[in-house]
Amino acid sequence: MAKANKRLSLSSERNKARKTREGLASTVTVDDVNVLLKVAELYDTSYDFEAAEWFWGQYKQTTNYEEFRDKYPQGSKGAQLFERFTSKFELAGVLIEYGFLDDNLYFDRYGDVQAEWEMTRSVIYGIRREWNYPRFRENFELLAARGRKWSESHAPKLKEHQL
């Protein structure tokens, strides 16, 4: 493979014409793509599919931390699935925070994670209190804040009539 920091096909006429919404040429590197693919690979397991299925199914009805703990005590399968489901957002938040993952690339692929954050916020805040650990999933929270800003500044690529 070419040098890791080589820009992706920016020399082609097609990509020269393509600009970001800010009017600047894209700065996504091969490294950026490789990190995104590695994150996708890390969370492409049957356990992750089980966690996602559980989250969008059973967990979806959970309204607050107390209800969550009643249904899913520490060490239970549900608590483990919650941990796994939210860990991918924590990892993405860390990688973006430290500049190892391009946030535009991440949010363009996975969306702004607002639904996931809003559905987990009260449980995460409850776990922070329970464990007396205010940093629990803080990078997920920061990722959601960045996602909200990203979404506000990036209009959908397709016009409404194309959907």
N, C-alpha and C. Protein backbone atom coordinates (compact mmCIF):
# COMPACT_ATOMS: atom_id res chain seq x y z
N MET A 1 0.84 -1.17 0.00
CA MET A 1 0.00 0.00 0.00
C MET A 1 0.89 1.24 0.00
N ALA A 2 0.38 2.30 -0.61
CA ALA A 2 1.14 3.55 -0.67
C ALA A 2 1.36 4.11 0.72
N LYS A 3 2.15 5.16 0.80
CA LYS A 3 2.41 5.80 2.09
C LYS A 3 1.11 6.00 2.85
N ALA A 4 1.17 5.77 4.15
CA ALA A 4 -0.03 5.84 4.97
C ALA A 4 -0.68 7.21 4.96
N ASN A 5 0.09 8.26 4.80
CA ASN A 5 -0.52 9.59 4.86
C ASN A 5 -0.92 10.13 3.50
N LYS A 6 -0.81 9.32 2.46
CA LYS A 6 -1.18 9.74 1.12
C LYS A 6 -2.68 10.03 1.07
N ARG A 7 -3.05 11.09 0.44
CA ARG A 7 -4.45 11.45 0.30
C ARG A 7 -5.14 10.47 -0.64
N LEU A 8 -6.39 10.17 -0.35
CA LEU A 8 -7.16 9.22 -1.14
C LEU A 8 -7.59 9.81 -2.47
N SER A 9 -7.01 9.40 -3.53
CA SER A 9 -7.44 9.72 -4.89
C SER A 9 -7.76 11.18 -5.12
N LEU A 10 -7.12 12.08 -4.42
CA LEU A 10 -7.43 13.49 -4.62
C LEU A 10 -6.89 14.02 -5.93
N SER A 11 -6.05 13.24 -6.60
CA SER A 11 -5.51 13.71 -7.87
C SER A 11 -6.46 13.48 -9.04
N SER A 12 -7.46 12.66 -8.86
CA SER A 12 -8.39 12.41 -9.96
C SER A 12 -9.26 13.63 -10.21
N GLU A 13 -9.68 13.81 -11.44
CA GLU A 13 -10.51 14.96 -11.80
C GLU A 13 -11.81 14.95 -11.01
N ARG A 14 -12.37 13.78 -10.82
CA ARG A 14 -13.64 13.68 -10.09
C ARG A 14 -13.49 14.19 -8.66
N ASN A 15 -12.43 13.78 -8.00
CA ASN A 15 -12.24 14.20 -6.62
C ASN A 15 -11.78 15.65 -6.52
N LYS A 16 -11.09 16.15 -7.54
CA LYS A 16 -10.71 17.56 -7.52
C LYS A 16 -11.96 18.44 -7.51
N ALA A 17 -12.97 18.00 -8.24
CA ALA A 17 -14.20 18.78 -8.32
C ALA A 17 -15.04 18.65 -7.04
N ARG A 18 -14.88 17.57 -6.32
CA ARG A 18 -15.69 17.36 -5.12
C ARG A 18 -15.10 18.16 -3.97
N LYS A 19 -15.92 18.91 -3.32
CA LYS A 19 -15.49 19.74 -2.20
C LYS A 19 -16.34 19.41 -0.99
N THR A 20 -15.80 19.66 0.18
CA THR A 20 -16.60 19.51 1.38
C THR A 20 -17.56 20.68 1.46
N ARG A 21 -18.48 20.65 2.37
CA ARG A 21 -19.46 21.72 2.51
C ARG A 21 -18.80 23.05 2.87
N GLU A 22 -17.59 23.02 3.42
CA GLU A 22 -16.87 24.25 3.74
C GLU A 22 -16.11 24.78 2.53
N GLY A 23 -16.15 24.08 1.42
CA GLY A 23 -15.47 24.52 0.22
C GLY A 23 -14.02 24.09 0.13
N LEU A 24 -13.57 23.25 1.02
CA LEU A 24 -12.18 22.79 1.01
C LEU A 24 -12.11 21.38 0.46
N ALA A 25 -11.01 21.04 -0.16
CA ALA A 25 -10.82 19.68 -0.66
C ALA A 25 -10.80 18.71 0.53
N SER A 26 -11.27 17.54 0.31
CA SER A 26 -11.31 16.53 1.37
C SER A 26 -9.91 16.22 1.88
N THR A 27 -9.79 15.99 3.18
CA THR A 27 -8.50 15.70 3.78
C THR A 27 -8.46 14.31 4.40
N VAL A 28 -9.35 13.45 3.99
CA VAL A 28 -9.37 12.09 4.53
C VAL A 28 -8.16 11.33 3.99
N THR A 29 -7.43 10.68 4.91
CA THR A 29 -6.24 9.94 4.53
C THR A 29 -6.51 8.44 4.54
N VAL A 30 -5.59 7.70 3.99
CA VAL A 30 -5.67 6.24 4.03
C VAL A 30 -5.67 5.78 5.49
N ASP A 31 -4.88 6.43 6.33
CA ASP A 31 -4.88 6.10 7.76
C ASP A 31 -6.27 6.27 8.36
N ASP A 32 -6.94 7.36 8.02
CA ASP A 32 -8.28 7.61 8.53
C ASP A 32 -9.23 6.47 8.15
N VAL A 33 -9.18 6.08 6.91
CA VAL A 33 -10.03 5.00 6.43
C VAL A 33 -9.67 3.69 7.14
N ASN A 34 -8.40 3.42 7.28
CA ASN A 34 -7.97 2.19 7.95
C ASN A 34 -8.41 2.14 9.41
N VAL A 35 -8.36 3.26 10.11
CA VAL A 35 -8.82 3.28 11.50
C VAL A 35 -10.33 3.03 11.55
N LEU A 36 -11.08 3.67 10.66
CA LEU A 36 -12.53 3.45 10.63
C LEU A 36 -12.84 1.98 10.34
N LEU A 37 -12.13 1.40 9.40
CA LEU A 37 -12.36 -0.01 9.08
C LEU A 37 -11.97 -0.93 10.24
N LYS A 38 -10.93 -0.59 10.96
CA LYS A 38 -10.52 -1.38 12.12
C LYS A 38 -11.57 -1.33 13.22
N VAL A 39 -12.11 -0.14 13.45
CA VAL A 39 -13.19 0.00 14.45
C VAL A 39 -14.39 -0.85 14.02
N ALA A 40 -14.75 -0.77 12.75
CA ALA A 40 -15.87 -1.55 12.25
C ALA A 40 -15.60 -3.05 12.43
N GLU A 41 -14.38 -3.46 12.17
CA GLU A 41 -13.99 -4.86 12.32
C GLU A 41 -14.04 -5.32 13.78
N LEU A 42 -13.59 -4.47 14.69
CA LEU A 42 -13.60 -4.81 16.12
C LEU A 42 -15.01 -5.10 16.63
N TYR A 43 -15.97 -4.38 16.08
CA TYR A 43 -17.35 -4.50 16.55
C TYR A 43 -18.24 -5.26 15.56
N ASP A 44 -17.63 -6.13 14.78
CA ASP A 44 -18.36 -6.94 13.81
C ASP A 44 -18.35 -8.40 14.25
N THR A 45 -18.90 -8.64 15.43
CA THR A 45 -18.94 -9.99 15.98
C THR A 45 -20.38 -10.37 16.26
N SER A 46 -20.60 -11.65 16.47
CA SER A 46 -21.96 -12.10 16.80
C SER A 46 -22.42 -11.49 18.12
N TYR A 47 -21.48 -11.28 19.04
CA TYR A 47 -21.83 -10.65 20.32
C TYR A 47 -22.30 -9.21 20.12
N ASP A 48 -21.67 -8.50 19.19
CA ASP A 48 -22.09 -7.13 18.91
C ASP A 48 -23.45 -7.09 18.24
N PHE A 49 -23.72 -8.05 17.36
CA PHE A 49 -25.04 -8.12 16.75
C PHE A 49 -26.09 -8.44 17.82
N GLU A 50 -25.76 -9.31 18.74
CA GLU A 50 -26.66 -9.61 19.85
C GLU A 50 -26.90 -8.36 20.70
N ALA A 51 -25.84 -7.61 20.98
CA ALA A 51 -25.96 -6.39 21.78
C ALA A 51 -26.83 -5.36 21.07
N ALA A 52 -26.64 -5.20 19.78
CA ALA A 52 -27.45 -4.24 19.02
C ALA A 52 -28.91 -4.68 18.97
N GLU A 53 -29.14 -5.95 18.74
CA GLU A 53 -30.50 -6.48 18.71
C GLU A 53 -31.18 -6.26 20.07
N TRP A 54 -30.46 -6.54 21.16
CA TRP A 54 -30.98 -6.33 22.50
C TRP A 54 -31.27 -4.85 22.73
N PHE A 55 -30.33 -3.99 22.35
CA PHE A 55 -30.48 -2.56 22.58
C PHE A 55 -31.72 -2.01 21.87
N TRP A 56 -31.87 -2.30 20.60
CA TRP A 56 -32.98 -1.76 19.82
C TRP A 56 -34.29 -2.50 20.09
N GLY A 57 -34.22 -3.60 20.81
CA GLY A 57 -35.42 -4.37 21.15
C GLY A 57 -35.78 -4.21 22.61
N GLN A 58 -35.19 -5.03 23.47
CA GLN A 58 -35.54 -5.04 24.89
C GLN A 58 -35.17 -3.75 25.61
N TYR A 59 -33.95 -3.30 25.45
CA TYR A 59 -33.50 -2.11 26.17
C TYR A 59 -34.31 -0.88 25.80
N LYS A 60 -34.73 -0.81 24.57
CA LYS A 60 -35.44 0.36 24.04
C LYS A 60 -36.61 0.78 24.94
N GLN A 61 -37.19 -0.15 25.65
CA GLN A 61 -38.30 0.18 26.53
C GLN A 61 -37.85 0.72 27.90
N THR A 62 -36.56 0.71 28.17
CA THR A 62 -36.05 1.19 29.46
C THR A 62 -36.12 2.70 29.49
N THR A 63 -36.72 3.23 30.56
CA THR A 63 -36.94 4.68 30.61
C THR A 63 -35.98 5.42 31.54
N ASN A 64 -35.39 4.72 32.52
CA ASN A 64 -34.49 5.41 33.44
C ASN A 64 -33.53 4.41 34.10
N TYR A 65 -32.61 4.94 34.85
CA TYR A 65 -31.57 4.12 35.48
C TYR A 65 -32.14 3.10 36.46
N GLU A 66 -33.09 3.50 37.28
CA GLU A 66 -33.66 2.60 38.28
C GLU A 66 -34.32 1.40 37.61
N GLU A 67 -35.06 1.67 36.55
CA GLU A 67 -35.69 0.58 35.80
C GLU A 67 -34.62 -0.34 35.18
N PHE A 68 -33.57 0.27 34.66
CA PHE A 68 -32.48 -0.51 34.07
C PHE A 68 -31.87 -1.45 35.12
N ARG A 69 -31.54 -0.93 36.30
CA ARG A 69 -30.92 -1.75 37.34
C ARG A 69 -31.87 -2.82 37.85
N ASP A 70 -33.17 -2.51 37.91
CA ASP A 70 -34.14 -3.53 38.32
C ASP A 70 -34.16 -4.69 37.32
N LYS A 71 -34.16 -4.35 36.04
CA LYS A 71 -34.20 -5.37 34.99
C LYS A 71 -32.84 -6.05 34.78
N TYR A 72 -31.77 -5.26 34.90
CA TYR A 72 -30.43 -5.73 34.53
C TYR A 72 -29.42 -5.42 35.64
N PRO A 73 -29.41 -6.21 36.70
CA PRO A 73 -28.43 -5.95 37.77
C PRO A 73 -26.99 -6.13 37.26
N GLN A 74 -26.06 -5.53 37.98
CA GLN A 74 -24.65 -5.65 37.62
C GLN A 74 -24.28 -7.11 37.41
N GLY A 75 -23.61 -7.41 36.31
CA GLY A 75 -23.19 -8.77 35.99
C GLY A 75 -24.20 -9.55 35.16
N SER A 76 -25.41 -9.04 35.02
CA SER A 76 -26.43 -9.74 34.23
C SER A 76 -26.10 -9.64 32.75
N LYS A 77 -26.75 -10.47 31.97
CA LYS A 77 -26.55 -10.45 30.51
C LYS A 77 -26.92 -9.08 29.93
N GLY A 78 -28.01 -8.51 30.39
CA GLY A 78 -28.42 -7.19 29.90
C GLY A 78 -27.40 -6.12 30.22
N ALA A 79 -26.85 -6.15 31.43
CA ALA A 79 -25.82 -5.17 31.80
C ALA A 79 -24.58 -5.35 30.93
N GLN A 80 -24.24 -6.58 30.63
CA GLN A 80 -23.09 -6.85 29.77
C GLN A 80 -23.34 -6.36 28.34
N LEU A 81 -24.55 -6.59 27.84
CA LEU A 81 -24.88 -6.14 26.49
C LEU A 81 -24.88 -4.61 26.41
N PHE A 82 -25.35 -3.96 27.46
CA PHE A 82 -25.31 -2.49 27.52
C PHE A 82 -23.86 -2.01 27.45
N GLU A 83 -23.01 -2.63 28.24
CA GLU A 83 -21.58 -2.28 28.24
C GLU A 83 -20.99 -2.43 26.84
N ARG A 84 -21.27 -3.55 26.20
CA ARG A 84 -20.70 -3.79 24.88
C ARG A 84 -21.24 -2.81 23.85
N PHE A 85 -22.54 -2.59 23.87
CA PHE A 85 -23.15 -1.69 22.89
C PHE A 85 -22.58 -0.28 23.01
N THR A 86 -22.44 0.22 24.23
CA THR A 86 -21.95 1.59 24.42
C THR A 86 -20.44 1.71 24.29
N SER A 87 -19.73 0.60 24.41
CA SER A 87 -18.26 0.67 24.35
C SER A 87 -17.76 1.10 22.98
N LYS A 88 -18.50 0.77 21.91
CA LYS A 88 -18.03 1.18 20.58
C LYS A 88 -18.08 2.69 20.41
N PHE A 89 -19.03 3.34 21.07
CA PHE A 89 -19.11 4.80 21.00
C PHE A 89 -18.03 5.44 21.88
N GLU A 90 -17.75 4.80 22.99
CA GLU A 90 -16.66 5.28 23.85
C GLU A 90 -15.34 5.22 23.10
N LEU A 91 -15.08 4.11 22.43
CA LEU A 91 -13.84 3.96 21.66
C LEU A 91 -13.76 5.00 20.55
N ALA A 92 -14.83 5.16 19.79
CA ALA A 92 -14.83 6.14 18.71
C ALA A 92 -14.58 7.55 19.27
N GLY A 93 -15.18 7.85 20.41
CA GLY A 93 -14.97 9.16 21.04
C GLY A 93 -13.52 9.38 21.42
N VAL A 94 -12.89 8.36 21.98
CA VAL A 94 -11.47 8.46 22.35
C VAL A 94 -10.62 8.68 21.10
N LEU A 95 -10.85 7.89 20.08
CA LEU A 95 -10.04 7.99 18.86
C LEU A 95 -10.20 9.35 18.19
N ILE A 96 -11.41 9.88 18.18
CA ILE A 96 -11.63 11.20 17.60
C ILE A 96 -10.99 12.27 18.48
N GLU A 97 -11.17 12.16 19.78
CA GLU A 97 -10.61 13.14 20.73
C GLU A 97 -9.10 13.29 20.56
N TYR A 98 -8.41 12.19 20.33
CA TYR A 98 -6.95 12.22 20.22
C TYR A 98 -6.45 12.32 18.77
N GLY A 99 -7.37 12.49 17.83
CA GLY A 99 -6.99 12.73 16.45
C GLY A 99 -6.63 11.49 15.65
N PHE A 100 -7.04 10.30 16.11
CA PHE A 100 -6.73 9.08 15.38
C PHE A 100 -7.85 8.64 14.45
N LEU A 101 -9.00 9.30 14.55
CA LEU A 101 -10.15 8.96 13.70
C LEU A 101 -10.78 10.27 13.25
N ASP A 102 -11.00 10.40 11.97
CA ASP A 102 -11.58 11.60 11.40
C ASP A 102 -13.07 11.65 11.74
N ASP A 103 -13.50 12.72 12.40
CA ASP A 103 -14.90 12.80 12.83
C ASP A 103 -15.86 12.91 11.65
N ASN A 104 -15.48 13.62 10.59
CA ASN A 104 -16.35 13.70 9.41
C ASN A 104 -16.58 12.32 8.81
N LEU A 105 -15.53 11.55 8.70
CA LEU A 105 -15.64 10.20 8.16
C LEU A 105 -16.52 9.33 9.05
N TYR A 106 -16.29 9.41 10.36
CA TYR A 106 -17.08 8.61 11.31
C TYR A 106 -18.56 8.96 11.24
N PHE A 107 -18.89 10.25 11.36
CA PHE A 107 -20.29 10.65 11.40
C PHE A 107 -20.97 10.45 10.05
N ASP A 108 -20.21 10.58 8.96
CA ASP A 108 -20.79 10.32 7.65
C ASP A 108 -21.17 8.85 7.53
N ARG A 109 -20.40 7.98 8.15
CA ARG A 109 -20.68 6.54 8.10
C ARG A 109 -21.73 6.10 9.11
N TYR A 110 -21.61 6.56 10.36
CA TYR A 110 -22.45 6.05 11.44
C TYR A 110 -23.55 7.00 11.90
N GLY A 111 -23.57 8.21 11.40
CA GLY A 111 -24.57 9.18 11.85
C GLY A 111 -24.11 9.87 13.11
N ASP A 112 -24.96 10.75 13.61
CA ASP A 112 -24.55 11.62 14.72
C ASP A 112 -24.73 11.01 16.11
N VAL A 113 -25.14 9.79 16.22
CA VAL A 113 -25.31 8.99 17.45
C VAL A 113 -26.23 9.65 18.49
N GLN A 114 -27.12 10.54 18.05
CA GLN A 114 -28.02 11.20 18.99
C GLN A 114 -29.03 10.24 19.59
N ALA A 115 -29.60 9.37 18.79
CA ALA A 115 -30.59 8.42 19.31
C ALA A 115 -29.95 7.52 20.36
N GLU A 116 -28.77 7.01 20.07
CA GLU A 116 -28.07 6.12 21.00
C GLU A 116 -27.74 6.84 22.31
N TRP A 117 -27.25 8.08 22.20
CA TRP A 117 -26.91 8.83 23.40
C TRP A 117 -28.15 9.13 24.22
N GLU A 118 -29.19 9.64 23.58
CA GLU A 118 -30.41 10.00 24.31
C GLU A 118 -31.02 8.78 25.01
N MET A 119 -30.94 7.64 24.37
CA MET A 119 -31.51 6.42 24.97
C MET A 119 -30.66 5.88 26.12
N THR A 120 -29.41 6.23 26.18
CA THR A 120 -28.52 5.69 27.23
C THR A 120 -28.13 6.70 28.28
N ARG A 121 -28.37 7.97 28.05
CA ARG A 121 -27.88 9.02 28.93
C ARG A 121 -28.26 8.81 30.39
N SER A 122 -29.53 8.57 30.69
CA SER A 122 -29.93 8.44 32.10
C SER A 122 -29.28 7.24 32.76
N VAL A 123 -29.09 6.16 32.01
CA VAL A 123 -28.43 4.97 32.57
C VAL A 123 -26.94 5.26 32.80
N ILE A 124 -26.30 5.90 31.85
CA ILE A 124 -24.88 6.25 32.01
C ILE A 124 -24.69 7.17 33.19
N TYR A 125 -25.54 8.18 33.34
CA TYR A 125 -25.44 9.08 34.49
C TYR A 125 -25.66 8.31 35.79
N GLY A 126 -26.59 7.35 35.78
CA GLY A 126 -26.83 6.53 36.96
C GLY A 126 -25.64 5.66 37.32
N ILE A 127 -25.00 5.08 36.33
CA ILE A 127 -23.82 4.26 36.57
C ILE A 127 -22.69 5.13 37.11
N ARG A 128 -22.56 6.33 36.58
CA ARG A 128 -21.53 7.25 37.10
C ARG A 128 -21.74 7.49 38.59
N ARG A 129 -22.97 7.71 38.98
CA ARG A 129 -23.27 7.92 40.40
C ARG A 129 -23.03 6.64 41.21
N GLU A 130 -23.54 5.52 40.70
CA GLU A 130 -23.41 4.24 41.40
C GLU A 130 -21.95 3.87 41.64
N TRP A 131 -21.13 4.04 40.64
CA TRP A 131 -19.73 3.66 40.72
C TRP A 131 -18.85 4.80 41.25
N ASN A 132 -19.44 5.96 41.47
CA ASN A 132 -18.68 7.14 41.87
C ASN A 132 -17.52 7.36 40.89
N TYR A 133 -17.86 7.28 39.61
CA TYR A 133 -16.88 7.39 38.54
C TYR A 133 -17.44 8.32 37.46
N PRO A 134 -17.23 9.63 37.61
CA PRO A 134 -17.83 10.59 36.69
C PRO A 134 -17.31 10.50 35.25
N ARG A 135 -16.27 9.75 35.01
CA ARG A 135 -15.72 9.65 33.66
C ARG A 135 -16.29 8.48 32.86
N PHE A 136 -17.18 7.68 33.47
CA PHE A 136 -17.76 6.54 32.76
C PHE A 136 -18.46 7.02 31.49
N ARG A 137 -18.02 6.52 30.37
CA ARG A 137 -18.56 6.82 29.04
C ARG A 137 -18.55 8.31 28.71
N GLU A 138 -17.59 9.04 29.28
CA GLU A 138 -17.52 10.47 28.97
C GLU A 138 -17.17 10.72 27.51
N ASN A 139 -16.40 9.83 26.91
CA ASN A 139 -16.05 10.02 25.50
C ASN A 139 -17.23 9.75 24.59
N PHE A 140 -18.14 8.89 25.02
CA PHE A 140 -19.41 8.70 24.30
C PHE A 140 -20.22 10.00 24.36
N GLU A 141 -20.27 10.61 25.54
CA GLU A 141 -21.00 11.86 25.69
C GLU A 141 -20.38 12.96 24.82
N LEU A 142 -19.06 13.04 24.80
CA LEU A 142 -18.37 14.02 23.95
C LEU A 142 -18.61 13.71 22.47
N LEU A 143 -18.64 12.44 22.11
CA LEU A 143 -18.92 12.03 20.73
C LEU A 143 -20.31 12.50 20.32
N ALA A 144 -21.28 12.34 21.21
CA ALA A 144 -22.65 12.77 20.91
C ALA A 144 -22.72 14.29 20.73
N ALA A 145 -22.00 15.02 21.56
CA ALA A 145 -21.98 16.48 21.42
C ALA A 145 -21.35 16.88 20.08
N ARG A 146 -20.28 16.21 19.71
CA ARG A 146 -19.66 16.49 18.41
C ARG A 146 -20.60 16.09 17.28
N GLY A 147 -21.27 14.97 17.45
CA GLY A 147 -22.21 14.50 16.43
C GLY A 147 -23.34 15.48 16.21
N ARG A 148 -23.83 16.07 17.30
CA ARG A 148 -24.90 17.07 17.19
C ARG A 148 -24.41 18.27 16.38
N LYS A 149 -23.21 18.76 16.69
CA LYS A 149 -22.65 19.90 15.94
C LYS A 149 -22.40 19.52 14.48
N TRP A 150 -21.90 18.30 14.26
CA TRP A 150 -21.65 17.84 12.89
C TRP A 150 -22.95 17.82 12.10
N SER A 151 -23.98 17.27 12.70
CA SER A 151 -25.27 17.16 12.03
C SER A 151 -25.85 18.53 11.69
N GLU A 152 -25.66 19.49 12.58
CA GLU A 152 -26.16 20.85 12.35
C GLU A 152 -25.41 21.53 11.20
N SER A 153 -24.16 21.16 10.98
CA SER A 153 -23.36 21.82 9.95
C SER A 153 -23.23 21.01 8.66
N HIS A 154 -23.86 19.84 8.60
CA HIS A 154 -23.78 19.00 7.40
C HIS A 154 -25.19 18.62 6.95
N ALA A 155 -25.64 19.30 5.93
CA ALA A 155 -26.97 18.99 5.38
C ALA A 155 -26.94 17.60 4.74
N PRO A 156 -28.08 16.94 4.67
CA PRO A 156 -28.12 15.64 3.97
C PRO A 156 -27.62 15.78 2.54
N LYS A 157 -26.99 14.75 2.05
CA LYS A 157 -26.44 14.77 0.69
C LYS A 157 -27.53 14.65 -0.37
N LEU A 158 -28.60 13.96 -0.02
CA LEU A 158 -29.70 13.78 -0.96
C LEU A 158 -30.78 14.80 -0.66
N LYS A 159 -31.37 15.32 -1.72
CA LYS A 159 -32.51 16.23 -1.56
C LYS A 159 -33.69 15.40 -1.08
N GLU A 160 -34.62 16.05 -0.42
CA GLU A 160 -35.76 15.35 0.16
C GLU A 160 -36.52 14.51 -0.85
N HIS A 161 -36.70 15.00 -2.06
CA HIS A 161 -37.45 14.24 -3.06
C HIS A 161 -36.71 13.00 -3.54
N GLN A 162 -35.42 12.89 -3.24
CA GLN A 162 -34.64 11.72 -3.65
C GLN A 162 -34.76 10.58 -2.65
N LEU A 163 -35.25 10.85 -1.47
CA LEU A 163 -35.30 9.83 -0.43
C LEU A 163 -36.37 8.81 -0.68
